[in-house]
C-alpha atoms as a PDB file:
ATOM      1  CA  GLN A   1      79.357 148.906 124.489  1.00  0.00           C
ATOM      2  CA  GLN A   2      78.578 145.044 123.386  1.00  0.00           C
ATOM      3  CA  LEU A   3      80.088 145.616 119.499  1.00  0.00           C
ATOM      4  CA  LYS A   4      83.407 146.937 121.076  1.00  0.00           C
ATOM      5  CA  VAL A   5      83.938 143.974 122.958  1.00  0.00           C
ATOM      6  CA  TYR A   6      83.683 140.949 120.038  1.00  0.00           C
ATOM      7  CA  ASN A   7      85.267 142.756 117.513  1.00  0.00           C
ATOM      8  CA  ASN A   8      88.942 143.286 119.439  1.00  0.00           C
ATOM      9  CA  LYS A   9      90.992 140.452 118.201  1.00  0.00           C
ATOM     10  CA  THR A  10      92.274 140.254 121.684  1.00  0.00           C
ATOM     11  CA  ILE A  11      89.197 138.783 123.126  1.00  0.00           C
ATOM     12  CA  VAL A  12      88.492 136.375 120.643  1.00  0.00           C
ATOM     13  CA  HIS A  13      91.980 134.900 121.131  1.00  0.00           C
ATOM     14  CA  LEU A  14      91.342 134.561 124.720  1.00  0.00           C
ATOM     15  CA  LEU A  15      87.990 133.049 124.333  1.00  0.00           C
ATOM     16  CA  ASN A  16      89.107 130.846 121.819  1.00  0.00           C
ATOM     17  CA  GLU A  17      92.164 129.763 124.404  1.00  0.00           C
ATOM     18  CA  CYS A  18      89.523 128.933 126.770  1.00  0.00           C
ATOM     19  CA  LYS A  19      87.367 127.279 124.547  1.00  0.00           C
ATOM     20  CA  GLN A  20      90.284 124.722 123.293  1.00  0.00           C
ATOM     21  CA  ARG A  21      91.975 124.841 126.845  1.00  0.00           C
ATOM     22  CA  ALA A  22      87.603 123.628 128.686  1.00  0.00           C
ATOM     23  CA  LYS A  23      87.317 120.514 126.875  1.00  0.00           C
ATOM     24  CA  PRO A  24      89.013 118.058 128.633  1.00  0.00           C
ATOM     25  CA  PHE A  25      86.961 119.644 132.145  1.00  0.00           C
ATOM     26  CA  LEU A  26      83.112 118.989 130.564  1.00  0.00           C
ATOM     27  CA  ASN A  27      82.184 116.464 132.300  1.00  0.00           C
ATOM     28  CA  TRP A  28      85.476 117.038 135.070  1.00  0.00           C
ATOM     29  CA  ARG A  29      85.138 116.056 138.726  1.00  0.00           C
ATOM     30  CA  PRO A  30      87.407 116.685 141.700  1.00  0.00           C
ATOM     31  CA  THR A  31      89.344 113.027 142.616  1.00  0.00           C
ATOM     32  CA  GLN A  32      90.452 114.657 146.124  1.00  0.00           C
ATOM     33  CA  GLY A  33      86.607 116.238 147.067  1.00  0.00           C
ATOM     34  CA  PHE A  34      86.621 120.082 146.636  1.00  0.00           C
ATOM     35  CA  ASN A  35      88.892 122.427 149.388  1.00  0.00           C
ATOM     36  CA  LEU A  36      87.978 125.269 151.411  1.00  0.00           C
ATOM     37  CA  LEU A  37      88.603 128.452 149.160  1.00  0.00           C
ATOM     38  CA  HIS A  38      89.244 132.225 150.858  1.00  0.00           C
ATOM     39  CA  GLY A  39      87.496 133.262 147.572  1.00  0.00           C
ATOM     40  CA  ASP A  40      88.954 136.425 147.709  1.00  0.00           C
ATOM     41  CA  LEU A  41      92.652 135.724 147.482  1.00  0.00           C
ATOM     42  CA  HIS A  42      95.032 138.514 146.139  1.00  0.00           C
ATOM     43  CA  THR A  43      98.004 140.062 147.356  1.00  0.00           C
ATOM     44  CA  GLY A  44      96.107 143.086 149.238  1.00  0.00           C
ATOM     45  CA  ASN A  45      94.100 140.547 151.568  1.00  0.00           C
ATOM     46  CA  VAL A  46      97.742 138.333 152.744  1.00  0.00           C
ATOM     47  CA  VAL A  47      99.199 140.881 155.316  1.00  0.00           C
ATOM     48  CA  LYS A  48     102.470 140.173 156.788  1.00  0.00           C
ATOM     49  CA  LYS A  49     103.163 141.285 160.745  1.00  0.00           C
ATOM     50  CA  ASN A  50     105.810 140.219 163.028  1.00  0.00           C
ATOM     51  CA  GLY A  51     107.106 138.215 159.992  1.00  0.00           C
ATOM     52  CA  ASN A  52     103.987 135.631 160.079  1.00  0.00           C
ATOM     53  CA  TYR A  53     101.704 136.055 157.116  1.00  0.00           C
ATOM     54  CA  PHE A  54      97.511 135.840 157.810  1.00  0.00           C
ATOM     55  CA  LEU A  55      94.711 136.029 155.213  1.00  0.00           C
ATOM     56  CA  ILE A  56      92.300 138.623 155.545  1.00  0.00           C
ATOM     57  CA  ASP A  57      88.712 139.428 154.213  1.00  0.00           C
ATOM     58  CA  TYR A  58      86.468 136.089 154.340  1.00  0.00           C
ATOM     59  CA  GLU A  59      83.291 136.940 152.791  1.00  0.00           C
ATOM     60  CA  PHE A  60      83.427 134.940 149.658  1.00  0.00           C
ATOM     61  CA  VAL A  61      84.916 132.189 150.964  1.00  0.00           C
ATOM     62  CA  ARG A  62      83.425 128.833 149.679  1.00  0.00           C
ATOM     63  CA  TYR A  63      84.279 125.781 148.340  1.00  0.00           C
ATOM     64  CA  GLY A  64      85.789 124.167 145.521  1.00  0.00           C
ATOM     65  CA  THR A  65      89.676 123.109 143.206  1.00  0.00           C
ATOM     66  CA  LYS A  66      92.124 124.837 144.970  1.00  0.00           C
ATOM     67  CA  GLU A  67      93.751 124.764 141.635  1.00  0.00           C
ATOM     68  CA  LEU A  68      91.263 128.273 141.285  1.00  0.00           C
ATOM     69  CA  GLU A  69      92.406 129.677 144.240  1.00  0.00           C
ATOM     70  CA  ILE A  70      96.388 129.633 143.104  1.00  0.00           C
ATOM     71  CA  ALA A  71      95.731 130.880 139.392  1.00  0.00           C
ATOM     72  CA  ASN A  72      93.340 133.406 140.919  1.00  0.00           C
ATOM     73  CA  TYR A  73      96.270 134.762 143.407  1.00  0.00           C
ATOM     74  CA  ILE A  74      98.815 134.754 140.597  1.00  0.00           C
ATOM     75  CA  VAL A  75      96.800 136.239 138.180  1.00  0.00           C
ATOM     76  CA  SER A  76      96.690 139.449 141.174  1.00  0.00           C
ATOM     77  CA  CYS A  77     100.536 138.965 141.803  1.00  0.00           C
ATOM     78  CA  LEU A  78     101.063 139.310 137.742  1.00  0.00           C
ATOM     79  CA  ILE A  79      98.292 142.134 137.614  1.00  0.00           C
ATOM     80  CA  PHE A  80     100.732 143.479 141.198  1.00  0.00           C
ATOM     81  CA  TYR A  81     103.984 143.554 139.175  1.00  0.00           C
ATOM     82  CA  GLY A  82     102.462 145.042 135.837  1.00  0.00           C
ATOM     83  CA  ILE A  83     100.944 147.452 137.265  1.00  0.00           C
ATOM     84  CA  HIS A  84     104.521 148.724 138.614  1.00  0.00           C
ATOM     85  CA  ASN A  85     105.600 148.072 134.810  1.00  0.00           C
ATOM     86  CA  ASP A  86     107.789 145.769 136.213  1.00  0.00           C
ATOM     87  CA  PHE A  87     108.208 143.288 133.671  1.00  0.00           C
ATOM     88  CA  ASN A  88     110.966 141.243 133.829  1.00  0.00           C
ATOM     89  CA  THR A  89     109.936 140.772 137.624  1.00  0.00           C
ATOM     90  CA  LEU A  90     106.312 139.341 135.996  1.00  0.00           C
ATOM     91  CA  ASN A  91     107.988 137.237 133.705  1.00  0.00           C
ATOM     92  CA  ASN A  92     110.166 135.170 135.817  1.00  0.00           C
ATOM     93  CA  ILE A  93     107.679 134.712 138.270  1.00  0.00           C
ATOM     94  CA  SER A  94     105.201 133.686 135.894  1.00  0.00           C
ATOM     95  CA  LYS A  95     108.627 131.234 134.899  1.00  0.00           C
ATOM     96  CA  LYS A  96     108.983 130.136 138.495  1.00  0.00           C
ATOM     97  CA  TYR A  97     104.892 129.448 139.524  1.00  0.00           C
ATOM     98  CA  PHE A  98     105.011 127.401 135.927  1.00  0.00           C
ATOM     99  CA  LYS A  99     108.077 125.257 136.747  1.00  0.00           C
ATOM    100  CA  ILE A 100     106.834 124.053 140.773  1.00  0.00           C
ATOM    101  CA  PHE A 101     103.251 124.072 140.347  1.00  0.00           C
ATOM    102  CA  ARG A 102     103.573 122.160 137.394  1.00  0.00           C
ATOM    103  CA  GLN A 103     105.575 119.578 140.339  1.00  0.00           C
ATOM    104  CA  LEU A 104     103.074 119.100 142.558  1.00  0.00           C
ATOM    105  CA  LYS A 105     101.549 116.188 143.844  1.00  0.00           C
ATOM    106  CA  LEU A 106      97.775 115.860 143.705  1.00  0.00           C
ATOM    107  CA  PHE A 107      98.000 119.421 141.873  1.00  0.00           C
ATOM    108  CA  HIS A 108      95.819 118.920 138.911  1.00  0.00           C
ATOM    109  CA  TYR A 109      98.735 121.121 136.170  1.00  0.00           C
ATOM    110  CA  ASN A 110      96.002 121.146 133.316  1.00  0.00           C
ATOM    111  CA  LEU A 111      93.356 122.409 135.026  1.00  0.00           C
ATOM    112  CA  PHE A 112      95.368 125.290 136.476  1.00  0.00           C
ATOM    113  CA  LEU A 113      96.507 126.534 133.259  1.00  0.00           C
ATOM    114  CA  PHE A 114      93.203 126.384 132.223  1.00  0.00           C
ATOM    115  CA  LEU A 115      91.740 128.589 135.331  1.00  0.00           C
ATOM    116  CA  LEU A 116      93.936 130.777 135.194  1.00  0.00           C
ATOM    117  CA  LEU A 117      93.512 131.403 131.407  1.00  0.00           C
ATOM    118  CA  LEU A 118      89.954 131.449 132.940  1.00  0.00           C
ATOM    119  CA  SER A 119      91.093 134.496 134.981  1.00  0.00           C
ATOM    120  CA  ILE A 120      93.075 136.055 132.683  1.00  0.00           C
ATOM    121  CA  THR A 121      90.125 137.094 130.420  1.00  0.00           C
ATOM    122  CA  LEU A 122      87.692 137.739 133.177  1.00  0.00           C
ATOM    123  CA  TYR A 123      89.779 140.247 134.068  1.00  0.00           C
ATOM    124  CA  TYR A 124      90.657 141.940 130.687  1.00  0.00           C
ATOM    125  CA  ILE A 125      86.018 142.079 130.229  1.00  0.00           C
ATOM    126  CA  THR A 126      86.313 143.706 133.073  1.00  0.00           C
ATOM    127  CA  ALA A 127      88.636 145.979 131.759  1.00  0.00           C
ATOM    128  CA  LEU A 128      87.265 146.492 128.382  1.00  0.00           C
ATOM    129  CA  ILE A 129      83.610 147.043 130.026  1.00  0.00           C
ATOM    130  CA  LYS A 130      85.200 149.401 132.171  1.00  0.00           C
ATOM    131  CA  ASN A 131      86.662 151.140 129.411  1.00  0.00           C
ATOM    132  CA  ASP A 132      89.531 151.212 131.491  1.00  0.00           C
ATOM    133  CA  ASN A 133      92.531 151.407 128.048  1.00  0.00           C
ATOM    134  CA  GLY A 134      95.305 151.671 131.549  1.00  0.00           C
ATOM    135  CA  HIS A 135      94.387 147.885 132.335  1.00  0.00           C
ATOM    136  CA  THR A 136      93.629 146.497 128.914  1.00  0.00           C
ATOM    137  CA  ILE A 137      97.076 147.251 127.771  1.00  0.00           C
ATOM    138  CA  LEU A 138      98.586 145.546 131.892  1.00  0.00           C
ATOM    139  CA  ILE A 139      96.365 141.922 130.860  1.00  0.00           C
ATOM    140  CA  GLU A 140      97.317 141.726 127.230  1.00  0.00           C
ATOM    141  CA  LYS A 141     100.944 142.178 128.604  1.00  0.00           C
ATOM    142  CA  ILE A 142     100.213 139.593 131.226  1.00  0.00           C
ATOM    143  CA  TYR A 143      98.644 137.764 128.505  1.00  0.00           C
ATOM    144  CA  ASN A 144     101.396 137.812 126.250  1.00  0.00           C
ATOM    145  CA  VAL A 145     104.426 137.246 128.521  1.00  0.00           C
ATOM    146  CA  ILE A 146     102.690 134.108 130.146  1.00  0.00           C
ATOM    147  CA  SER A 147     101.754 132.383 127.132  1.00  0.00           C
ATOM    148  CA  ASN A 148     105.031 132.419 125.705  1.00  0.00           C
ATOM    149  CA  ASN A 149     106.710 130.680 128.083  1.00  0.00           C
ATOM    150  CA  GLU A 150     107.004 127.133 127.540  1.00  0.00           C
ATOM    151  CA  CYS A 151     105.185 125.892 130.007  1.00  0.00           C
ATOM    152  CA  PHE A 152     101.912 127.710 129.453  1.00  0.00           C
ATOM    153  CA  LEU A 153     101.925 125.950 125.940  1.00  0.00           C
ATOM    154  CA  ARG A 154      99.129 123.949 125.018  1.00  0.00           C
ATOM    155  CA  ASN A 155     101.724 121.282 123.715  1.00  0.00           C
ATOM    156  CA  ASN A 156     103.100 120.797 126.901  1.00  0.00           C
ATOM    157  CA  LYS A 157     101.096 118.441 129.462  1.00  0.00           C
ATOM    158  CA  LYS A 158     102.020 117.103 132.773  1.00  0.00           C
END
């Protein structure tokens, strides 16, 4: 099982990209402190009732960076659209996410990009370990969509 993971070109690329994007954050600490996070925020834990949205399933509540929570949520949304083979929406929504988050104040955009990539990498590794070829291919497609977005490229800084 390990041999398959380490000989996979995509995982090698993802890990190298993570390593490069992580360098600026080796000694990083949040200037605004940590935030209370849901800890398992994904589309299945957002419920709409009577026109209002609610979060459910708080078993993983913890403190951390808001960028982590947002990155994990976005990856779950991208997987949702990918599972439904709606790559046009996936591409459009990823562009909108990047544009919105790039403009937010009190939001570390490059940290968000690193955590987004890390989240994608972890999903990919999980799919490889489970021998889930469907999700492995899906995560590769999602990574290709976002990595071709000009807002995701390494040289594009806030």
